[in-house]
Amino acid sequence: MSDLPVQFTPEANTDLTELFDYLAPRAGTAIALKYVSDIHRHCLGFALFPSAVSQEKT
């Protein structure tokens, strides 16, 4: 089984950017960057374990 690509929607990218913008002045740039990077990396992990993500039917 091959890895599936993880695609971030424009809204998800905006959310991560806004989260960084919110955290940086409050916690510091380094902490905000690590926090957002950790979230991003966690999401990329779904490529290895796609069954960990529930599939929403639309």
PDB file of N, CA and C in Angstrom:
ATOM      1  N   MET A   1       0.850  -1.186   0.000  1.00  0.00           N
ATOM      2  CA  MET A   1       0.000   0.000   0.000  1.00  0.00           C
ATOM      3  C   MET A   1       0.888   1.239   0.000  1.00  0.00           C
ATOM      4  N   SER A   2       0.636   2.160  -0.917  1.00  0.00           N
ATOM      5  CA  SER A   2       1.444   3.368  -0.992  1.00  0.00           C
ATOM      6  C   SER A   2       0.807   4.487  -0.173  1.00  0.00           C
ATOM      7  N   ASP A   3       1.646   5.429   0.201  1.00  0.00           N
ATOM      8  CA  ASP A   3       1.169   6.581   0.964  1.00  0.00           C
ATOM      9  C   ASP A   3       0.260   7.444   0.093  1.00  0.00           C
ATOM     10  N   LEU A   4      -0.770   7.956   0.690  1.00  0.00           N
ATOM     11  CA  LEU A   4      -1.659   8.887   0.003  1.00  0.00           C
ATOM     12  C   LEU A   4      -1.219  10.301   0.320  1.00  0.00           C
ATOM     13  N   PRO A   5      -1.286  11.205  -0.641  1.00  0.00           N
ATOM     14  CA  PRO A   5      -0.866  12.585  -0.354  1.00  0.00           C
ATOM     15  C   PRO A   5      -1.864  13.277   0.566  1.00  0.00           C
ATOM     16  N   VAL A   6      -1.329  14.083   1.452  1.00  0.00           N
ATOM     17  CA  VAL A   6      -2.174  14.908   2.306  1.00  0.00           C
ATOM     18  C   VAL A   6      -2.280  16.275   1.646  1.00  0.00           C
ATOM     19  N   GLN A   7      -3.501  16.710   1.443  1.00  0.00           N
ATOM     20  CA  GLN A   7      -3.722  18.017   0.824  1.00  0.00           C
ATOM     21  C   GLN A   7      -4.390  18.930   1.838  1.00  0.00           C
ATOM     22  N   PHE A   8      -3.825  20.110   2.006  1.00  0.00           N
ATOM     23  CA  PHE A   8      -4.392  21.098   2.902  1.00  0.00           C
ATOM     24  C   PHE A   8      -5.278  22.041   2.091  1.00  0.00           C
ATOM     25  N   THR A   9      -6.490  22.232   2.562  1.00  0.00           N
ATOM     26  CA  THR A   9      -7.382  23.161   1.887  1.00  0.00           C
ATOM     27  C   THR A   9      -6.894  24.586   2.120  1.00  0.00           C
ATOM     28  N   PRO A  10      -7.318  25.513   1.285  1.00  0.00           N
ATOM     29  CA  PRO A  10      -6.966  26.910   1.542  1.00  0.00           C
ATOM     30  C   PRO A  10      -7.419  27.366   2.932  1.00  0.00           C
ATOM     31  N   GLU A  11      -8.572  26.872   3.356  1.00  0.00           N
ATOM     32  CA  GLU A  11      -9.082  27.239   4.687  1.00  0.00           C
ATOM     33  C   GLU A  11      -8.178  26.708   5.794  1.00  0.00           C
ATOM     34  N   ALA A  12      -7.674  25.493   5.618  1.00  0.00           N
ATOM     35  CA  ALA A  12      -6.768  24.915   6.618  1.00  0.00           C
ATOM     36  C   ALA A  12      -5.470  25.710   6.683  1.00  0.00           C
ATOM     37  N   ASN A  13      -4.944  26.085   5.532  1.00  0.00           N
ATOM     38  CA  ASN A  13      -3.732  26.908   5.508  1.00  0.00           C
ATOM     39  C   ASN A  13      -3.973  28.255   6.182  1.00  0.00           C
ATOM     40  N   THR A  14      -5.128  28.844   5.930  1.00  0.00           N
ATOM     41  CA  THR A  14      -5.474  30.109   6.571  1.00  0.00           C
ATOM     42  C   THR A  14      -5.578  29.937   8.078  1.00  0.00           C
ATOM     43  N   ASP A  15      -6.193  28.847   8.515  1.00  0.00           N
ATOM     44  CA  ASP A  15      -6.312  28.582   9.952  1.00  0.00           C
ATOM     45  C   ASP A  15      -4.938  28.473  10.604  1.00  0.00           C
ATOM     46  N   LEU A  16      -4.023  27.759   9.971  1.00  0.00           N
ATOM     47  CA  LEU A  16      -2.684  27.619  10.538  1.00  0.00           C
ATOM     48  C   LEU A  16      -1.961  28.962  10.588  1.00  0.00           C
ATOM     49  N   THR A  17      -2.114  29.745   9.553  1.00  0.00           N
ATOM     50  CA  THR A  17      -1.493  31.070   9.523  1.00  0.00           C
ATOM     51  C   THR A  17      -2.073  31.970  10.605  1.00  0.00           C
ATOM     52  N   GLU A  18      -3.391  31.961  10.743  1.00  0.00           N
ATOM     53  CA  GLU A  18      -4.037  32.780  11.762  1.00  0.00           C
ATOM     54  C   GLU A  18      -3.677  32.313  13.173  1.00  0.00           C
ATOM     55  N   LEU A  19      -3.527  31.010  13.358  1.00  0.00           N
ATOM     56  CA  LEU A  19      -3.108  30.485  14.648  1.00  0.00           C
ATOM     57  C   LEU A  19      -1.706  30.989  14.981  1.00  0.00           C
ATOM     58  N   PHE A  20      -0.811  30.928  14.016  1.00  0.00           N
ATOM     59  CA  PHE A  20       0.539  31.453  14.227  1.00  0.00           C
ATOM     60  C   PHE A  20       0.484  32.944  14.566  1.00  0.00           C
ATOM     61  N   ASP A  21      -0.283  33.703  13.797  1.00  0.00           N
ATOM     62  CA  ASP A  21      -0.389  35.145  14.026  1.00  0.00           C
ATOM     63  C   ASP A  21      -0.939  35.466  15.409  1.00  0.00           C
ATOM     64  N   TYR A  22      -1.828  34.629  15.906  1.00  0.00           N
ATOM     65  CA  TYR A  22      -2.390  34.816  17.238  1.00  0.00           C
ATOM     66  C   TYR A  22      -1.366  34.477  18.323  1.00  0.00           C
ATOM     67  N   LEU A  23      -0.679  33.353  18.137  1.00  0.00           N
ATOM     68  CA  LEU A  23       0.234  32.871  19.175  1.00  0.00           C
ATOM     69  C   LEU A  23       1.544  33.650  19.255  1.00  0.00           C
ATOM     70  N   ALA A  24       2.083  34.065  18.130  1.00  0.00           N
ATOM     71  CA  ALA A  24       3.416  34.671  18.096  1.00  0.00           C
ATOM     72  C   ALA A  24       3.583  35.837  19.078  1.00  0.00           C
ATOM     73  N   PRO A  25       2.682  36.815  19.098  1.00  0.00           N
ATOM     74  CA  PRO A  25       2.898  37.922  20.044  1.00  0.00           C
ATOM     75  C   PRO A  25       2.642  37.531  21.505  1.00  0.00           C
ATOM     76  N   ARG A  26       1.945  36.444  21.720  1.00  0.00           N
ATOM     77  CA  ARG A  26       1.591  36.032  23.081  1.00  0.00           C
ATOM     78  C   ARG A  26       2.600  35.045  23.665  1.00  0.00           C
ATOM     79  N   ALA A  27       3.095  34.140  22.826  1.00  0.00           N
ATOM     80  CA  ALA A  27       3.970  33.078  23.317  1.00  0.00           C
ATOM     81  C   ALA A  27       5.388  33.179  22.759  1.00  0.00           C
ATOM     82  N   GLY A  28       5.572  34.026  21.770  1.00  0.00           N
ATOM     83  CA  GLY A  28       6.869  34.140  21.109  1.00  0.00           C
ATOM     84  C   GLY A  28       6.857  33.419  19.775  1.00  0.00           C
ATOM     85  N   THR A  29       7.671  33.924  18.868  1.00  0.00           N
ATOM     86  CA  THR A  29       7.711  33.382  17.514  1.00  0.00           C
ATOM     87  C   THR A  29       8.145  31.925  17.489  1.00  0.00           C
ATOM     88  N   ALA A  30       9.163  31.580  18.260  1.00  0.00           N
ATOM     89  CA  ALA A  30       9.678  30.212  18.237  1.00  0.00           C
ATOM     90  C   ALA A  30       8.626  29.212  18.713  1.00  0.00           C
ATOM     91  N   ILE A  31       7.923  29.538  19.779  1.00  0.00           N
ATOM     92  CA  ILE A  31       6.897  28.634  20.313  1.00  0.00           C
ATOM     93  C   ILE A  31       5.737  28.523  19.333  1.00  0.00           C
ATOM     94  N   ALA A  32       5.309  29.656  18.773  1.00  0.00           N
ATOM     95  CA  ALA A  32       4.207  29.642  17.813  1.00  0.00           C
ATOM     96  C   ALA A  32       4.564  28.809  16.589  1.00  0.00           C
ATOM     97  N   LEU A  33       5.785  28.974  16.097  1.00  0.00           N
ATOM     98  CA  LEU A  33       6.217  28.211  14.928  1.00  0.00           C
ATOM     99  C   LEU A  33       6.258  26.723  15.234  1.00  0.00           C
ATOM    100  N   LYS A  34       6.783  26.350  16.391  1.00  0.00           N
ATOM    101  CA  LYS A  34       6.829  24.936  16.762  1.00  0.00           C
ATOM    102  C   LYS A  34       5.424  24.361  16.892  1.00  0.00           C
ATOM    103  N   TYR A  35       4.525  25.100  17.503  1.00  0.00           N
ATOM    104  CA  TYR A  35       3.157  24.631  17.707  1.00  0.00           C
ATOM    105  C   TYR A  35       2.464  24.374  16.371  1.00  0.00           C
ATOM    106  N   VAL A  36       2.540  25.350  15.478  1.00  0.00           N
ATOM    107  CA  VAL A  36       1.896  25.217  14.170  1.00  0.00           C
ATOM    108  C   VAL A  36       2.592  24.136  13.335  1.00  0.00           C
ATOM    109  N   SER A  37       3.905  24.063  13.416  1.00  0.00           N
ATOM    110  CA  SER A  37       4.643  23.024  12.689  1.00  0.00           C
ATOM    111  C   SER A  37       4.275  21.631  13.184  1.00  0.00           C
ATOM    112  N   ASP A  38       4.097  21.497  14.493  1.00  0.00           N
ATOM    113  CA  ASP A  38       3.698  20.197  15.052  1.00  0.00           C
ATOM    114  C   ASP A  38       2.322  19.776  14.542  1.00  0.00           C
ATOM    115  N   ILE A  39       1.400  20.721  14.458  1.00  0.00           N
ATOM    116  CA  ILE A  39       0.069  20.414  13.917  1.00  0.00           C
ATOM    117  C   ILE A  39       0.188  19.982  12.453  1.00  0.00           C
ATOM    118  N   HIS A  40       0.956  20.738  11.691  1.00  0.00           N
ATOM    119  CA  HIS A  40       1.160  20.444  10.272  1.00  0.00           C
ATOM    120  C   HIS A  40       1.771  19.059  10.097  1.00  0.00           C
ATOM    121  N   ARG A  41       2.804  18.762  10.861  1.00  0.00           N
ATOM    122  CA  ARG A  41       3.470  17.459  10.776  1.00  0.00           C
ATOM    123  C   ARG A  41       2.526  16.318  11.173  1.00  0.00           C
ATOM    124  N   HIS A  42       1.709  16.561  12.191  1.00  0.00           N
ATOM    125  CA  HIS A  42       0.736  15.545  12.608  1.00  0.00           C
ATOM    126  C   HIS A  42      -0.234  15.239  11.466  1.00  0.00           C
ATOM    127  N   CYS A  43      -0.698  16.274  10.797  1.00  0.00           N
ATOM    128  CA  CYS A  43      -1.608  16.074   9.663  1.00  0.00           C
ATOM    129  C   CYS A  43      -0.926  15.317   8.531  1.00  0.00           C
ATOM    130  N   LEU A  44       0.335  15.611   8.276  1.00  0.00           N
ATOM    131  CA  LEU A  44       1.060  14.890   7.229  1.00  0.00           C
ATOM    132  C   LEU A  44       1.182  13.413   7.563  1.00  0.00           C
ATOM    133  N   GLY A  45       1.150  13.074   8.830  1.00  0.00           N
ATOM    134  CA  GLY A  45       1.201  11.682   9.250  1.00  0.00           C
ATOM    135  C   GLY A  45       0.012  10.871   8.786  1.00  0.00           C
ATOM    136  N   PHE A  46      -1.081  11.527   8.444  1.00  0.00           N
ATOM    137  CA  PHE A  46      -2.243  10.797   7.939  1.00  0.00           C
ATOM    138  C   PHE A  46      -1.961  10.127   6.595  1.00  0.00           C
ATOM    139  N   ALA A  47      -0.900  10.555   5.912  1.00  0.00           N
ATOM    140  CA  ALA A  47      -0.515   9.887   4.666  1.00  0.00           C
ATOM    141  C   ALA A  47      -0.076   8.462   4.953  1.00  0.00           C
ATOM    142  N   LEU A  48       0.503   8.244   6.124  1.00  0.00           N
ATOM    143  CA  LEU A  48       0.971   6.909   6.488  1.00  0.00           C
ATOM    144  C   LEU A  48      -0.147   6.041   7.041  1.00  0.00           C
ATOM    145  N   PHE A  49      -1.133   6.672   7.674  1.00  0.00           N
ATOM    146  CA  PHE A  49      -2.231   5.941   8.298  1.00  0.00           C
ATOM    147  C   PHE A  49      -3.571   6.553   7.897  1.00  0.00           C
ATOM    148  N   PRO A  50      -3.952   6.430   6.616  1.00  0.00           N
ATOM    149  CA  PRO A  50      -5.180   7.079   6.153  1.00  0.00           C
ATOM    150  C   PRO A  50      -6.433   6.572   6.835  1.00  0.00           C
ATOM    151  N   SER A  51      -6.389   5.378   7.372  1.00  0.00           N
ATOM    152  CA  SER A  51      -7.585   4.860   8.046  1.00  0.00           C
ATOM    153  C   SER A  51      -7.831   5.565   9.374  1.00  0.00           C
ATOM    154  N   ALA A  52      -6.865   6.352   9.845  1.00  0.00           N
ATOM    155  CA  ALA A  52      -7.042   7.094  11.078  1.00  0.00           C
ATOM    156  C   ALA A  52      -7.935   8.315  10.884  1.00  0.00           C
ATOM    157  N   VAL A  53      -8.224   8.633   9.636  1.00  0.00           N
ATOM    158  CA  VAL A  53      -9.070   9.779   9.321  1.00  0.00           C
ATOM    159  C   VAL A  53     -10.438   9.272   8.903  1.00  0.00           C
ATOM    160  N   SER A  54     -11.474   9.810   9.544  1.00  0.00           N
ATOM    161  CA  SER A  54     -12.823   9.400   9.140  1.00  0.00           C
ATOM    162  C   SER A  54     -13.156  10.056   7.807  1.00  0.00           C
ATOM    163  N   GLN A  55     -13.796   9.345   6.946  1.00  0.00           N
ATOM    164  CA  GLN A  55     -14.182   9.859   5.637  1.00  0.00           C
ATOM    165  C   GLN A  55     -15.591  10.418   5.723  1.00  0.00           C
ATOM    166  N   GLU A  56     -15.725  11.709   5.487  1.00  0.00           N
ATOM    167  CA  GLU A  56     -17.030  12.357   5.515  1.00  0.00           C
ATOM    168  C   GLU A  56     -17.680  12.226   4.152  1.00  0.00           C
ATOM    169  N   LYS A  57     -18.879  11.731   4.122  1.00  0.00           N
ATOM    170  CA  LYS A  57     -19.627  11.596   2.869  1.00  0.00           C
ATOM    171  C   LYS A  57     -20.398  12.880   2.615  1.00  0.00           C
ATOM    172  N   THR A  58     -20.235  13.421   1.419  1.00  0.00           N
ATOM    173  CA  THR A  58     -20.977  14.637   1.069  1.00  0.00           C
ATOM    174  C   THR A  58     -21.909  14.385  -0.082  1.00  0.00           C
TER     175      THR A  58
END
